[in-house]
PDB file of all heavy atoms in Angstrom:
ATOM      1  N   GLU A   1     241.993 -61.917 161.731  1.00  0.00           N
ATOM      2  CA  GLU A   1     242.515 -62.940 160.854  1.00  0.00           C
ATOM      3  C   GLU A   1     243.369 -63.970 161.609  1.00  0.00           C
ATOM      4  O   GLU A   1     243.320 -65.199 161.250  1.00  0.00           O
ATOM      5  CB  GLU A   1     243.513 -62.327 159.789  1.00  0.00           C
ATOM      6  CG  GLU A   1     242.718 -61.538 158.846  1.00  0.00           C
ATOM      7  CD  GLU A   1     243.659 -60.644 157.840  1.00  0.00           C
ATOM      8  OE1 GLU A   1     244.781 -60.492 158.229  1.00  0.00           O
ATOM      9  OE2 GLU A   1     243.111 -60.344 156.732  1.00  0.00           O
ATOM     10  N   GLY A   2     244.073 -63.495 162.610  1.00  0.00           N
ATOM     11  CA  GLY A   2     244.828 -64.458 163.500  1.00  0.00           C
ATOM     12  C   GLY A   2     243.815 -65.462 164.248  1.00  0.00           C
ATOM     13  O   GLY A   2     244.195 -66.624 164.356  1.00  0.00           O
ATOM     14  N   THR A   3     242.760 -64.842 164.605  1.00  0.00           N
ATOM     15  CA  THR A   3     241.729 -65.764 165.314  1.00  0.00           C
ATOM     16  C   THR A   3     241.107 -66.707 164.325  1.00  0.00           C
ATOM     17  O   THR A   3     240.935 -67.901 164.624  1.00  0.00           O
ATOM     18  CB  THR A   3     240.597 -64.851 165.939  1.00  0.00           C
ATOM     19  OG1 THR A   3     241.239 -64.006 166.997  1.00  0.00           O
ATOM     20  CG2 THR A   3     239.607 -65.690 166.612  1.00  0.00           C
ATOM     21  N   MET A   4     240.880 -66.265 163.139  1.00  0.00           N
ATOM     22  CA  MET A   4     240.324 -67.153 162.057  1.00  0.00           C
ATOM     23  C   MET A   4     241.234 -68.310 161.779  1.00  0.00           C
ATOM     24  O   MET A   4     240.831 -69.548 161.688  1.00  0.00           O
ATOM     25  CB  MET A   4     239.948 -66.374 160.806  1.00  0.00           C
ATOM     26  CG  MET A   4     238.712 -65.497 160.948  1.00  0.00           C
ATOM     27  SD  MET A   4     238.124 -64.862 159.374  1.00  0.00           S
ATOM     28  CE  MET A   4     239.445 -63.549 159.057  1.00  0.00           C
ATOM     29  N   LEU A   5     242.559 -68.047 161.790  1.00  0.00           N
ATOM     30  CA  LEU A   5     243.471 -69.079 161.470  1.00  0.00           C
ATOM     31  C   LEU A   5     243.514 -70.100 162.561  1.00  0.00           C
ATOM     32  O   LEU A   5     243.547 -71.315 162.376  1.00  0.00           O
ATOM     33  CB  LEU A   5     244.958 -68.450 161.205  1.00  0.00           C
ATOM     34  CG  LEU A   5     246.034 -69.454 161.024  1.00  0.00           C
ATOM     35  CD1 LEU A   5     245.783 -70.294 159.769  1.00  0.00           C
ATOM     36  CD2 LEU A   5     247.403 -68.777 160.964  1.00  0.00           C
ATOM     37  N   ALA A   6     243.413 -69.581 163.888  1.00  0.00           N
ATOM     38  CA  ALA A   6     243.418 -70.475 165.045  1.00  0.00           C
ATOM     39  C   ALA A   6     242.165 -71.297 165.053  1.00  0.00           C
ATOM     40  O   ALA A   6     242.140 -72.626 165.244  1.00  0.00           O
ATOM     41  CB  ALA A   6     243.407 -69.690 166.272  1.00  0.00           C
ATOM     42  N   VAL A   7     241.028 -70.772 164.727  1.00  0.00           N
ATOM     43  CA  VAL A   7     239.748 -71.501 164.535  1.00  0.00           C
ATOM     44  C   VAL A   7     239.849 -72.574 163.531  1.00  0.00           C
ATOM     45  O   VAL A   7     239.290 -73.699 163.608  1.00  0.00           O
ATOM     46  CB  VAL A   7     238.598 -70.553 164.382  1.00  0.00           C
ATOM     47  CG1 VAL A   7     237.298 -71.360 164.045  1.00  0.00           C
ATOM     48  CG2 VAL A   7     238.346 -69.648 165.599  1.00  0.00           C
ATOM     49  N   LEU A   8     240.425 -72.231 162.299  1.00  0.00           N
ATOM     50  CA  LEU A   8     240.582 -73.153 161.238  1.00  0.00           C
ATOM     51  C   LEU A   8     241.267 -74.392 161.662  1.00  0.00           C
ATOM     52  O   LEU A   8     241.036 -75.471 161.143  1.00  0.00           O
ATOM     53  CB  LEU A   8     241.379 -72.456 160.074  1.00  0.00           C
ATOM     54  CG  LEU A   8     241.617 -73.341 158.819  1.00  0.00           C
ATOM     55  CD1 LEU A   8     240.258 -73.765 158.170  1.00  0.00           C
ATOM     56  CD2 LEU A   8     242.428 -72.514 157.853  1.00  0.00           C
ATOM     57  N   SER A   9     242.345 -74.253 162.544  1.00  0.00           N
ATOM     58  CA  SER A   9     242.964 -75.443 162.995  1.00  0.00           C
ATOM     59  C   SER A   9     242.134 -76.356 163.756  1.00  0.00           C
ATOM     60  O   SER A   9     242.343 -77.600 163.797  1.00  0.00           O
ATOM     61  CB  SER A   9     244.233 -74.993 163.911  1.00  0.00           C
ATOM     62  OG  SER A   9     243.745 -74.682 165.198  1.00  0.00           O
ATOM     63  N   GLY A  10     241.078 -75.920 164.430  1.00  0.00           N
ATOM     64  CA  GLY A  10     240.147 -76.687 165.153  1.00  0.00           C
ATOM     65  C   GLY A  10     240.746 -77.290 166.405  1.00  0.00           C
ATOM     66  O   GLY A  10     240.164 -78.257 166.948  1.00  0.00           O
ATOM     67  N   LYS A  11     241.825 -76.673 166.878  1.00  0.00           N
ATOM     68  CA  LYS A  11     242.551 -77.261 168.119  1.00  0.00           C
ATOM     69  C   LYS A  11     242.512 -76.295 169.264  1.00  0.00           C
ATOM     70  O   LYS A  11     242.733 -75.037 169.020  1.00  0.00           O
ATOM     71  CB  LYS A  11     244.023 -77.587 167.753  1.00  0.00           C
ATOM     72  CG  LYS A  11     244.172 -78.673 166.626  1.00  0.00           C
ATOM     73  CD  LYS A  11     243.600 -79.986 167.232  1.00  0.00           C
ATOM     74  CE  LYS A  11     243.874 -81.096 166.180  1.00  0.00           C
ATOM     75  NZ  LYS A  11     243.366 -82.432 166.574  1.00  0.00           N
ATOM     76  N   GLU A  12     242.218 -76.727 170.507  1.00  0.00           N
ATOM     77  CA  GLU A  12     242.085 -75.809 171.624  1.00  0.00           C
ATOM     78  C   GLU A  12     243.417 -75.233 172.003  1.00  0.00           C
ATOM     79  O   GLU A  12     243.388 -74.235 172.646  1.00  0.00           O
ATOM     80  CB  GLU A  12     241.458 -76.586 172.743  1.00  0.00           C
ATOM     81  CG  GLU A  12     240.037 -77.008 172.586  1.00  0.00           C
ATOM     82  CD  GLU A  12     239.406 -77.606 173.880  1.00  0.00           C
ATOM     83  OE1 GLU A  12     240.158 -77.680 174.894  1.00  0.00           O
ATOM     84  OE2 GLU A  12     238.252 -78.022 173.703  1.00  0.00           O
ATOM     85  N   ASN A  13     244.613 -75.889 171.629  1.00  0.00           N
ATOM     86  CA  ASN A  13     245.821 -75.356 172.017  1.00  0.00           C
ATOM     87  C   ASN A  13     246.468 -74.402 170.977  1.00  0.00           C
ATOM     88  O   ASN A  13     247.594 -74.049 170.973  1.00  0.00           O
ATOM     89  CB  ASN A  13     246.834 -76.496 172.303  1.00  0.00           C
ATOM     90  CG  ASN A  13     247.158 -77.352 171.235  1.00  0.00           C
ATOM     91  OD1 ASN A  13     246.491 -77.282 170.127  1.00  0.00           O
ATOM     92  ND2 ASN A  13     247.968 -78.416 171.512  1.00  0.00           N
ATOM     93  N   ILE A  14     245.582 -73.994 169.988  1.00  0.00           N
ATOM     94  CA  ILE A  14     246.006 -72.979 169.000  1.00  0.00           C
ATOM     95  C   ILE A  14     245.033 -71.728 169.232  1.00  0.00           C
ATOM     96  O   ILE A  14     243.857 -71.866 169.143  1.00  0.00           O
ATOM     97  CB  ILE A  14     245.825 -73.468 167.592  1.00  0.00           C
ATOM     98  CG1 ILE A  14     246.607 -74.789 167.345  1.00  0.00           C
ATOM     99  CG2 ILE A  14     246.424 -72.375 166.580  1.00  0.00           C
ATOM    100  CD1 ILE A  14     248.062 -74.730 167.473  1.00  0.00           C
ATOM    101  N   SER A  15     245.688 -70.639 169.605  1.00  0.00           N
ATOM    102  CA  SER A  15     244.809 -69.430 169.902  1.00  0.00           C
ATOM    103  C   SER A  15     245.480 -68.255 169.141  1.00  0.00           C
ATOM    104  O   SER A  15     246.167 -68.386 168.185  1.00  0.00           O
ATOM    105  CB  SER A  15     244.772 -69.216 171.434  1.00  0.00           C
ATOM    106  OG  SER A  15     243.755 -68.268 171.592  1.00  0.00           O
ATOM    107  N   CYS A  16     245.236 -67.059 169.754  1.00  0.00           N
ATOM    108  CA  CYS A  16     245.651 -65.827 168.993  1.00  0.00           C
ATOM    109  C   CYS A  16     246.302 -64.859 169.999  1.00  0.00           C
ATOM    110  O   CYS A  16     246.179 -64.938 171.259  1.00  0.00           O
ATOM    111  CB  CYS A  16     244.538 -65.176 168.350  1.00  0.00           C
ATOM    112  SG  CYS A  16     245.040 -63.667 167.273  1.00  0.00           S
ATOM    113  N   LEU A  17     247.237 -63.987 169.535  1.00  0.00           N
ATOM    114  CA  LEU A  17     247.993 -63.018 170.263  1.00  0.00           C
ATOM    115  C   LEU A  17     247.621 -61.611 169.784  1.00  0.00           C
ATOM    116  O   LEU A  17     247.432 -61.440 168.587  1.00  0.00           O
ATOM    117  CB  LEU A  17     249.481 -63.247 170.116  1.00  0.00           C
ATOM    118  CG  LEU A  17     250.451 -62.242 170.651  1.00  0.00           C
ATOM    119  CD1 LEU A  17     251.757 -63.044 171.119  1.00  0.00           C
ATOM    120  CD2 LEU A  17     250.905 -61.205 169.658  1.00  0.00           C
ATOM    121  N   ALA A  18     247.639 -60.739 170.573  1.00  0.00           N
ATOM    122  CA  ALA A  18     247.551 -59.157 170.271  1.00  0.00           C
ATOM    123  C   ALA A  18     248.805 -58.508 170.594  1.00  0.00           C
ATOM    124  O   ALA A  18     249.348 -58.707 171.662  1.00  0.00           O
ATOM    125  CB  ALA A  18     246.321 -58.576 171.059  1.00  0.00           C
ATOM    126  N   ASP A  19     249.255 -57.665 169.678  1.00  0.00           N
ATOM    127  CA  ASP A  19     250.497 -56.901 169.801  1.00  0.00           C
ATOM    128  C   ASP A  19     250.107 -55.490 169.409  1.00  0.00           C
ATOM    129  O   ASP A  19     249.721 -55.164 168.246  1.00  0.00           O
ATOM    130  CB  ASP A  19     251.595 -57.496 168.844  1.00  0.00           C
ATOM    131  CG  ASP A  19     252.869 -56.814 169.060  1.00  0.00           C
ATOM    132  OD1 ASP A  19     252.840 -55.517 169.088  1.00  0.00           O
ATOM    133  OD2 ASP A  19     253.954 -57.429 169.088  1.00  0.00           O
ATOM    134  N   ILE A  20     250.234 -54.567 170.380  1.00  0.00           N
ATOM    135  CA  ILE A  20     249.775 -53.192 170.145  1.00  0.00           C
ATOM    136  C   ILE A  20     250.490 -52.506 168.921  1.00  0.00           C
ATOM    137  O   ILE A  20     249.872 -51.769 168.219  1.00  0.00           O
ATOM    138  CB  ILE A  20     249.885 -52.364 171.426  1.00  0.00           C
ATOM    139  CG1 ILE A  20     249.129 -51.060 171.269  1.00  0.00           C
ATOM    140  CG2 ILE A  20     251.315 -52.112 171.751  1.00  0.00           C
ATOM    141  CD1 ILE A  20     247.614 -51.200 170.963  1.00  0.00           C
ATOM    142  N   TYR A  21     251.732 -52.892 168.747  1.00  0.00           N
ATOM    143  CA  TYR A  21     252.503 -52.236 167.625  1.00  0.00           C
ATOM    144  C   TYR A  21     251.847 -52.673 166.380  1.00  0.00           C
ATOM    145  O   TYR A  21     251.713 -51.809 165.382  1.00  0.00           O
ATOM    146  CB  TYR A  21     254.010 -52.767 167.682  1.00  0.00           C
ATOM    147  CG  TYR A  21     254.775 -52.316 166.507  1.00  0.00           C
ATOM    148  CD1 TYR A  21     255.250 -51.033 166.370  1.00  0.00           C
ATOM    149  CD2 TYR A  21     255.171 -53.269 165.542  1.00  0.00           C
ATOM    150  CE1 TYR A  21     255.995 -50.628 165.247  1.00  0.00           C
ATOM    151  CE2 TYR A  21     255.974 -52.936 164.530  1.00  0.00           C
ATOM    152  CZ  TYR A  21     256.405 -51.585 164.352  1.00  0.00           C
ATOM    153  OH  TYR A  21     257.158 -51.178 163.237  1.00  0.00           O
ATOM    154  N   HIS A  22     251.613 -53.886 166.135  1.00  0.00           N
ATOM    155  CA  HIS A  22     251.095 -54.433 164.929  1.00  0.00           C
ATOM    156  C   HIS A  22     249.643 -54.059 164.691  1.00  0.00           C
ATOM    157  O   HIS A  22     249.126 -53.725 163.639  1.00  0.00           O
ATOM    158  CB  HIS A  22     251.166 -55.909 164.759  1.00  0.00           C
ATOM    159  CG  HIS A  22     252.655 -56.394 164.669  1.00  0.00           C
ATOM    160  ND1 HIS A  22     253.425 -56.095 163.646  1.00  0.00           N
ATOM    161  CD2 HIS A  22     253.377 -57.161 165.540  1.00  0.00           C
ATOM    162  CE1 HIS A  22     254.624 -56.626 163.825  1.00  0.00           C
ATOM    163  NE2 HIS A  22     254.605 -57.286 165.102  1.00  0.00           N
ATOM    164  N   MET A  23     248.904 -53.956 165.877  1.00  0.00           N
ATOM    165  CA  MET A  23     247.513 -53.511 165.824  1.00  0.00           C
ATOM    166  C   MET A  23     247.381 -52.165 165.333  1.00  0.00           C
ATOM    167  O   MET A  23     246.567 -51.836 164.375  1.00  0.00           O
ATOM    168  CB  MET A  23     246.911 -53.649 167.220  1.00  0.00           C
ATOM    169  CG  MET A  23     246.586 -55.022 167.718  1.00  0.00           C
ATOM    170  SD  MET A  23     245.963 -54.947 169.461  1.00  0.00           S
ATOM    171  CE  MET A  23     244.546 -53.858 169.323  1.00  0.00           C
ATOM    172  N   ILE A  24     248.188 -51.199 165.782  1.00  0.00           N
ATOM    173  CA  ILE A  24     248.099 -49.853 165.411  1.00  0.00           C
ATOM    174  C   ILE A  24     248.354 -49.743 163.890  1.00  0.00           C
ATOM    175  O   ILE A  24     247.832 -48.962 163.093  1.00  0.00           O
ATOM    176  CB  ILE A  24     249.011 -48.961 166.240  1.00  0.00           C
ATOM    177  CG1 ILE A  24     248.489 -48.812 167.648  1.00  0.00           C
ATOM    178  CG2 ILE A  24     249.198 -47.626 165.535  1.00  0.00           C
ATOM    179  CD1 ILE A  24     249.345 -48.003 168.499  1.00  0.00           C
ATOM    180  N   GLY A  25     249.403 -50.521 163.358  1.00  0.00           N
ATOM    181  CA  GLY A  25     249.838 -50.481 161.972  1.00  0.00           C
ATOM    182  C   GLY A  25     248.738 -50.966 161.137  1.00  0.00           C
ATOM    183  O   GLY A  25     248.670 -50.537 159.924  1.00  0.00           O
ATOM    184  N   GLU A  26     247.864 -51.829 161.589  1.00  0.00           N
ATOM    185  CA  GLU A  26     246.814 -52.471 160.685  1.00  0.00           C
ATOM    186  C   GLU A  26     245.439 -51.926 161.001  1.00  0.00           C
ATOM    187  O   GLU A  26     244.496 -52.431 160.449  1.00  0.00           O
ATOM    188  CB  GLU A  26     246.904 -53.894 160.735  1.00  0.00           C
ATOM    189  CG  GLU A  26     248.217 -54.502 160.224  1.00  0.00           C
ATOM    190  CD  GLU A  26     248.410 -54.174 158.690  1.00  0.00           C
ATOM    191  OE1 GLU A  26     247.450 -54.213 157.980  1.00  0.00           O
ATOM    192  OE2 GLU A  26     249.574 -53.766 158.389  1.00  0.00           O
ATOM    193  N   GLY A  27     245.294 -51.003 161.939  1.00  0.00           N
ATOM    194  CA  GLY A  27     243.973 -50.456 162.280  1.00  0.00           C
ATOM    195  C   GLY A  27     243.158 -51.282 163.216  1.00  0.00           C
ATOM    196  O   GLY A  27     241.910 -50.988 163.358  1.00  0.00           O
ATOM    197  N   ASP A  28     243.674 -52.281 163.882  1.00  0.00           N
ATOM    198  CA  ASP A  28     242.932 -53.000 164.952  1.00  0.00           C
ATOM    199  C   ASP A  28     242.707 -52.009 166.059  1.00  0.00           C
ATOM    200  O   ASP A  28     243.469 -51.162 166.408  1.00  0.00           O
ATOM    201  CB  ASP A  28     243.670 -54.179 165.524  1.00  0.00           C
ATOM    202  CG  ASP A  28     243.680 -55.384 164.553  1.00  0.00           C
ATOM    203  OD1 ASP A  28     242.723 -55.452 163.814  1.00  0.00           O
ATOM    204  OD2 ASP A  28     244.709 -56.104 164.526  1.00  0.00           O
ATOM    205  N   THR A  29     241.514 -52.143 166.725  1.00  0.00           N
ATOM    206  CA  THR A  29     241.137 -51.292 167.850  1.00  0.00           C
ATOM    207  C   THR A  29     241.075 -52.129 169.121  1.00  0.00           C
ATOM    208  O   THR A  29     240.953 -53.286 169.125  1.00  0.00           O
ATOM    209  CB  THR A  29     239.813 -50.574 167.550  1.00  0.00           C
ATOM    210  OG1 THR A  29     238.745 -51.552 167.557  1.00  0.00           O
ATOM    211  CG2 THR A  29     239.908 -49.862 166.264  1.00  0.00           C
ATOM    212  N   LEU A  30     240.869 -51.397 170.199  1.00  0.00           N
ATOM    213  CA  LEU A  30     240.622 -52.053 171.464  1.00  0.00           C
ATOM    214  C   LEU A  30     239.229 -52.682 171.527  1.00  0.00           C
ATOM    215  O   LEU A  30     238.992 -53.701 172.240  1.00  0.00           O
ATOM    216  CB  LEU A  30     240.819 -51.022 172.692  1.00  0.00           C
ATOM    217  CG  LEU A  30     242.183 -50.412 172.839  1.00  0.00           C
ATOM    218  CD1 LEU A  30     242.219 -49.597 174.136  1.00  0.00           C
ATOM    219  CD2 LEU A  30     243.271 -51.403 172.867  1.00  0.00           C
TER     220      LEU A  30
END
């Protein structure tokens, strides 16, 4: 979802971050 938001902006200086604490809480995997 973070990546989709960055892509929606259409700007190269908007990207995404990964945080292992939040990833584990929401089921994101490596």
